[in-house]
Amino acid sequence: MNEESKLISGVVIRLASNRNDCLIKASLLAGKIMLENGAETSRVEDTMERMISKALGVERSRETFTYITLNGIFVKTDMNNTNFVRIDNRDHNLDKITKVNQISRLFTEGLLTIEEVYEKLQEVDEEKMGYSLAMKFFFTAILSGSVMLIMNGTFIDLPASMIGGLICYLSYLLAYRYLKIPFITEYIAAFFGGLAAFFVNGMVGSHLSSVMIGTVAPLVPGIAITNAIRDILAKHYISGSIRLVEGIFIAGSIGTGIATVYYIFIQ
């Protein structure tokens, strides 16, 4: 009987250990997906802590800590294990963030097991962007033209603004693909987009400044700056400050690219 008790105890411990490992993997994967796709640090931390609290209970979850930066996520469990995942790429995909939030919500409501959560998160992580390149170009042109009109442009300026926006976005994709150097890609994209807008505006158009603003609209780091402010307000000062500096440098790179066009061709 004593041997049977030990055997049962060993099985229970192994099952608990496996479940704990699955929980850590799932929470890290959830945080990784959200951070890579544009979620603010406070949202990522809240989602991970809710998952851990639901799985371990309030008392045990108090001994589990999460620490999140823009380049990595740390989780320390009550078993004195520290787990880490590195964040190498960051993009913007609100659909993935929404799906992770929904999966987390179903888990905290008891409608999914932690194993099912991990499987669903892996599926979300492997999903590709649902929009084709042609669709991205279409909406880029619409964005550039709309912003130009808002900035006191006229309909005769639409060709210059839309073509400039398309060249700007295409230049960004190519520069990012082959260089992958922060801020230089934005400078190159703004320069070639501004160059195309300048020449088209010379043939058809009258409000060059409005056209230039519309041209660089696809590159404006609105999400980065918004998330920076939200992180700072949530007392995530390091991540918020880094995001804010990143947004300022991107804006500076865009402005420098357009200024180069003005300096060469207009001065």
Protein backbone atom coordinates (compact mmCIF):
# COMPACT_ATOMS: atom_id res chain seq x y z
CA MET A 1 0.00 0.00 0.00
CA ASN A 2 2.89 2.29 0.81
CA GLU A 3 4.45 1.65 -2.63
CA GLU A 4 1.10 2.31 -4.32
CA SER A 5 0.78 5.62 -2.49
CA LYS A 6 4.26 6.63 -3.58
CA LEU A 7 3.47 5.67 -7.17
CA ILE A 8 0.24 7.66 -7.16
CA SER A 9 2.01 10.61 -5.54
CA GLY A 10 4.71 10.50 -8.21
CA VAL A 11 2.14 10.46 -11.01
CA VAL A 12 0.29 13.40 -9.48
CA ILE A 13 3.52 15.39 -9.16
CA ARG A 14 4.47 14.68 -12.78
CA LEU A 15 1.01 15.69 -13.99
CA ALA A 16 1.15 18.90 -11.98
CA SER A 17 4.63 19.64 -13.31
CA ASN A 18 3.54 19.03 -16.91
CA ARG A 19 0.50 21.26 -16.45
CA ASN A 20 2.66 23.97 -14.92
CA ASP A 21 5.08 23.76 -17.87
CA CYS A 22 2.16 24.02 -20.29
CA LEU A 23 0.85 27.05 -18.41
CA ILE A 24 4.20 28.84 -18.63
CA LYS A 25 4.55 28.02 -22.33
CA ALA A 26 1.03 29.22 -23.03
CA SER A 27 1.40 32.47 -21.09
CA LEU A 28 4.76 33.22 -22.71
CA LEU A 29 3.35 32.49 -26.16
CA ALA A 30 0.34 34.71 -25.50
CA GLY A 31 2.61 37.55 -24.43
CA LYS A 32 4.93 37.00 -27.39
CA ILE A 33 2.09 37.14 -29.92
CA MET A 34 0.62 40.29 -28.40
CA LEU A 35 3.92 42.13 -28.07
CA GLU A 36 5.03 41.23 -31.59
CA ASN A 37 1.78 42.52 -33.04
CA GLY A 38 1.56 45.94 -31.43
CA ALA A 39 -0.05 45.49 -28.00
CA GLU A 40 1.05 47.82 -25.22
CA THR A 41 3.14 46.33 -22.40
CA SER A 42 0.45 46.82 -19.74
CA ARG A 43 -2.09 44.83 -21.77
CA VAL A 44 0.40 41.99 -22.29
CA GLU A 45 1.21 41.85 -18.59
CA ASP A 46 -2.46 41.89 -17.59
CA THR A 47 -3.33 39.05 -19.98
CA MET A 48 -0.46 36.85 -18.77
CA GLU A 49 -1.18 37.45 -15.10
CA ARG A 50 -4.88 36.66 -15.52
CA MET A 51 -4.01 33.34 -17.17
CA ILE A 52 -1.52 32.42 -14.45
CA SER A 53 -3.87 33.49 -11.67
CA LYS A 54 -6.70 31.37 -13.09
CA ALA A 55 -4.50 28.28 -13.45
CA LEU A 56 -2.59 28.44 -10.17
CA GLY A 57 -5.08 30.17 -7.92
CA VAL A 58 -4.71 33.48 -6.15
CA GLU A 59 -2.33 32.29 -3.43
CA ARG A 60 0.18 30.53 -5.69
CA SER A 61 -0.01 33.22 -8.36
CA ARG A 62 1.28 35.74 -5.81
CA GLU A 63 4.63 33.93 -5.97
CA THR A 64 4.71 34.14 -9.77
CA PHE A 65 6.11 37.26 -11.39
CA THR A 66 6.13 38.56 -14.94
CA TYR A 67 8.50 41.18 -16.30
CA ILE A 68 8.02 42.51 -19.81
CA THR A 69 10.21 44.68 -22.01
CA LEU A 70 9.97 45.36 -25.73
CA ASN A 71 12.70 42.80 -26.42
CA GLY A 72 11.82 40.01 -24.02
CA ILE A 73 9.36 38.49 -21.54
CA PHE A 74 10.36 36.91 -18.22
CA VAL A 75 8.18 34.68 -16.04
CA LYS A 76 9.27 33.40 -12.62
CA THR A 77 7.14 30.63 -11.12
CA ASP A 78 6.66 29.46 -7.56
CA MET A 79 8.89 26.47 -8.43
CA ASN A 80 11.88 28.85 -8.65
CA ASN A 81 12.05 28.46 -12.43
CA THR A 82 12.65 31.52 -14.59
CA ASN A 83 11.44 31.32 -18.17
CA PHE A 84 12.27 33.75 -20.95
CA VAL A 85 11.22 34.40 -24.54
CA ARG A 86 12.96 36.88 -26.82
CA ILE A 87 11.05 39.33 -29.02
CA ASP A 88 12.95 39.93 -32.26
CA ASN A 89 10.27 41.31 -34.58
CA ARG A 90 7.46 43.77 -33.94
CA ASP A 91 4.62 44.55 -36.32
CA HIS A 92 0.99 45.66 -36.09
CA ASN A 93 -1.78 43.07 -36.36
CA LEU A 94 -4.77 43.89 -34.18
CA ASP A 95 -6.58 40.75 -35.33
CA LYS A 96 -4.05 38.51 -33.58
CA ILE A 97 -4.24 40.61 -30.41
CA THR A 98 -8.03 40.27 -30.42
CA LYS A 99 -7.80 36.49 -30.85
CA VAL A 100 -5.34 36.12 -27.98
CA ASN A 101 -7.60 38.21 -25.74
CA GLN A 102 -10.57 36.03 -26.68
CA ILE A 103 -8.68 32.80 -25.95
CA SER A 104 -7.50 34.19 -22.61
CA ARG A 105 -11.05 35.23 -21.75
CA LEU A 106 -12.42 31.76 -22.52
CA PHE A 107 -9.71 30.21 -20.33
CA THR A 108 -10.40 32.46 -17.35
CA GLU A 109 -14.10 31.62 -17.69
CA GLY A 110 -13.27 27.92 -17.47
CA LEU A 111 -14.35 27.09 -21.02
CA LEU A 112 -10.90 25.94 -22.17
CA THR A 113 -8.16 23.84 -20.59
CA ILE A 114 -4.60 25.11 -20.56
CA GLU A 115 -3.65 22.46 -23.14
CA GLU A 116 -6.39 23.70 -25.48
CA VAL A 117 -5.26 27.28 -24.91
CA TYR A 118 -1.70 26.41 -25.91
CA GLU A 119 -2.87 24.67 -29.09
CA LYS A 120 -5.08 27.59 -30.11
CA LEU A 121 -2.30 30.10 -29.41
CA GLN A 122 0.07 28.11 -31.64
CA GLU A 123 -2.52 28.31 -34.43
CA VAL A 124 -2.81 32.09 -33.99
CA ASP A 125 0.98 32.47 -33.96
CA GLU A 126 1.31 30.58 -37.26
CA GLU A 127 -1.40 32.60 -39.02
CA LYS A 128 -0.31 34.83 -41.88
CA MET A 129 -1.59 38.34 -42.52
CA GLY A 130 -5.03 38.04 -44.08
CA TYR A 131 -4.59 40.88 -46.60
CA SER A 132 -2.96 40.50 -50.00
CA LEU A 133 -0.28 42.88 -51.21
CA ALA A 134 -2.72 44.37 -53.73
CA MET A 135 -5.21 45.08 -50.94
CA LYS A 136 -2.49 46.77 -48.86
CA PHE A 137 -1.55 48.97 -51.82
CA PHE A 138 -5.20 49.88 -52.37
CA PHE A 139 -5.75 51.02 -48.79
CA THR A 140 -2.38 52.80 -48.76
CA ALA A 141 -3.49 54.88 -51.75
CA ILE A 142 -6.84 55.61 -50.07
CA LEU A 143 -5.06 56.67 -46.86
CA SER A 144 -2.62 58.97 -48.63
CA GLY A 145 -5.34 60.61 -50.68
CA SER A 146 -7.65 61.07 -47.70
CA VAL A 147 -4.98 62.64 -45.49
CA MET A 148 -4.02 65.00 -48.31
CA LEU A 149 -7.62 66.18 -48.65
CA ILE A 150 -7.88 66.69 -44.88
CA MET A 151 -4.74 68.86 -45.03
CA ASN A 152 -6.43 71.36 -47.39
CA GLY A 153 -5.45 69.64 -50.63
CA THR A 154 -7.75 69.42 -53.63
CA PHE A 155 -8.98 66.57 -55.80
CA ILE A 156 -6.54 67.57 -58.54
CA ASP A 157 -3.75 66.68 -56.07
CA LEU A 158 -5.02 63.11 -55.61
CA PRO A 159 -2.81 61.48 -58.28
CA ALA A 160 0.39 62.92 -56.81
CA SER A 161 -0.53 62.04 -53.24
CA MET A 162 -1.75 58.50 -54.01
CA ILE A 163 1.18 57.64 -56.28
CA GLY A 164 3.60 59.11 -53.77
CA GLY A 165 2.01 57.07 -50.98
CA LEU A 166 2.27 53.86 -53.02
CA ILE A 167 5.93 54.47 -53.89
CA CYS A 168 6.60 55.34 -50.26
CA TYR A 169 5.05 52.10 -48.99
CA LEU A 170 6.71 49.97 -51.68
CA SER A 171 10.10 51.54 -50.90
CA TYR A 172 9.57 50.79 -47.21
CA LEU A 173 8.79 47.11 -47.90
CA LEU A 174 11.85 46.70 -50.11
CA ALA A 175 14.18 48.60 -47.78
CA TYR A 176 12.97 46.64 -44.75
CA ARG A 177 13.34 43.35 -46.60
CA TYR A 178 16.94 43.90 -47.68
CA LEU A 179 18.32 46.25 -45.02
CA LYS A 180 16.25 45.74 -41.84
CA ILE A 181 17.93 48.81 -40.32
CA PRO A 182 15.60 50.88 -38.11
CA PHE A 183 15.03 54.49 -39.15
CA ILE A 184 17.07 54.14 -42.36
CA THR A 185 14.16 52.26 -43.95
CA GLU A 186 11.77 55.09 -43.07
CA TYR A 187 14.21 57.66 -44.46
CA ILE A 188 14.57 55.79 -47.75
CA ALA A 189 10.81 55.29 -48.07
CA ALA A 190 10.04 58.95 -47.34
CA PHE A 191 12.70 60.13 -49.81
CA PHE A 192 11.53 58.02 -52.76
CA GLY A 193 7.86 58.62 -51.96
CA GLY A 194 8.46 62.35 -51.73
CA LEU A 195 10.46 62.26 -54.95
CA ALA A 196 7.62 60.53 -56.83
CA ALA A 197 5.05 62.92 -55.36
CA PHE A 198 7.16 65.93 -56.35
CA PHE A 199 7.43 64.92 -60.00
CA VAL A 200 3.76 63.90 -60.34
CA ASN A 201 2.69 67.11 -58.59
CA GLY A 202 4.75 69.05 -61.13
CA MET A 203 2.56 67.59 -63.89
CA VAL A 204 -0.79 67.40 -62.08
CA GLY A 205 -1.30 69.24 -58.79
CA SER A 206 -1.00 72.54 -57.02
CA HIS A 207 -0.58 71.98 -53.24
CA LEU A 208 2.82 70.33 -52.80
CA SER A 209 2.92 70.57 -49.00
CA SER A 210 -0.44 68.80 -48.63
CA VAL A 211 0.67 66.17 -51.15
CA MET A 212 3.85 65.49 -49.16
CA ILE A 213 1.89 65.05 -45.94
CA GLY A 214 -0.42 62.54 -47.62
CA THR A 215 2.55 60.72 -49.14
CA VAL A 216 4.20 59.90 -45.81
CA ALA A 217 0.93 59.16 -43.96
CA PRO A 218 1.42 55.34 -44.21
CA LEU A 219 4.71 55.66 -42.30
CA VAL A 220 3.52 57.82 -39.40
CA PRO A 221 4.16 55.93 -36.11
CA GLY A 222 0.75 56.62 -34.60
CA ILE A 223 0.36 53.25 -32.86
CA ALA A 224 3.87 53.39 -31.39
CA ILE A 225 3.36 56.84 -29.90
CA THR A 226 -0.12 55.96 -28.60
CA ASN A 227 1.17 52.78 -26.94
CA ALA A 228 4.09 54.75 -25.47
CA ILE A 229 1.72 57.16 -23.76
CA ARG A 230 -0.49 54.33 -22.49
CA ASP A 231 2.52 52.46 -21.11
CA ILE A 232 3.80 55.56 -19.32
CA LEU A 233 0.36 56.19 -17.82
CA ALA A 234 0.31 52.53 -16.67
CA LYS A 235 3.71 53.16 -14.95
CA HIS A 236 5.66 51.02 -17.44
CA TYR A 237 8.19 53.81 -17.75
CA ILE A 238 11.00 51.89 -19.45
CA SER A 239 8.89 50.39 -22.23
CA GLY A 240 6.91 53.59 -22.64
CA SER A 241 10.04 55.72 -22.90
CA ILE A 242 11.61 53.34 -25.42
CA ARG A 243 8.48 53.37 -27.56
CA LEU A 244 8.31 57.16 -27.39
CA VAL A 245 11.95 57.58 -28.40
CA GLU A 246 11.42 55.08 -31.21
CA GLY A 247 8.38 57.01 -32.45
CA ILE A 248 10.26 60.31 -32.33
CA PHE A 249 13.19 58.86 -34.28
CA ILE A 250 10.85 57.40 -36.92
CA ALA A 251 9.10 60.76 -37.28
CA GLY A 252 12.50 62.43 -37.58
CA SER A 253 13.58 59.95 -40.27
CA ILE A 254 10.41 60.62 -42.26
CA GLY A 255 10.87 64.37 -41.97
CA THR A 256 14.52 64.12 -43.00
CA GLY A 257 13.60 62.13 -46.10
CA ILE A 258 11.08 64.76 -47.22
CA ALA A 259 13.48 67.58 -46.32
CA THR A 260 16.11 65.97 -48.56
CA VAL A 261 13.71 66.10 -51.50
CA TYR A 262 12.97 69.77 -50.80
CA TYR A 263 16.66 70.59 -50.44
CA ILE A 264 17.68 68.89 -53.72
CA PHE A 265 14.80 69.76 -56.02
CA ILE A 266 13.03 72.80 -54.60
CA GLN A 267 15.58 75.04 -52.94
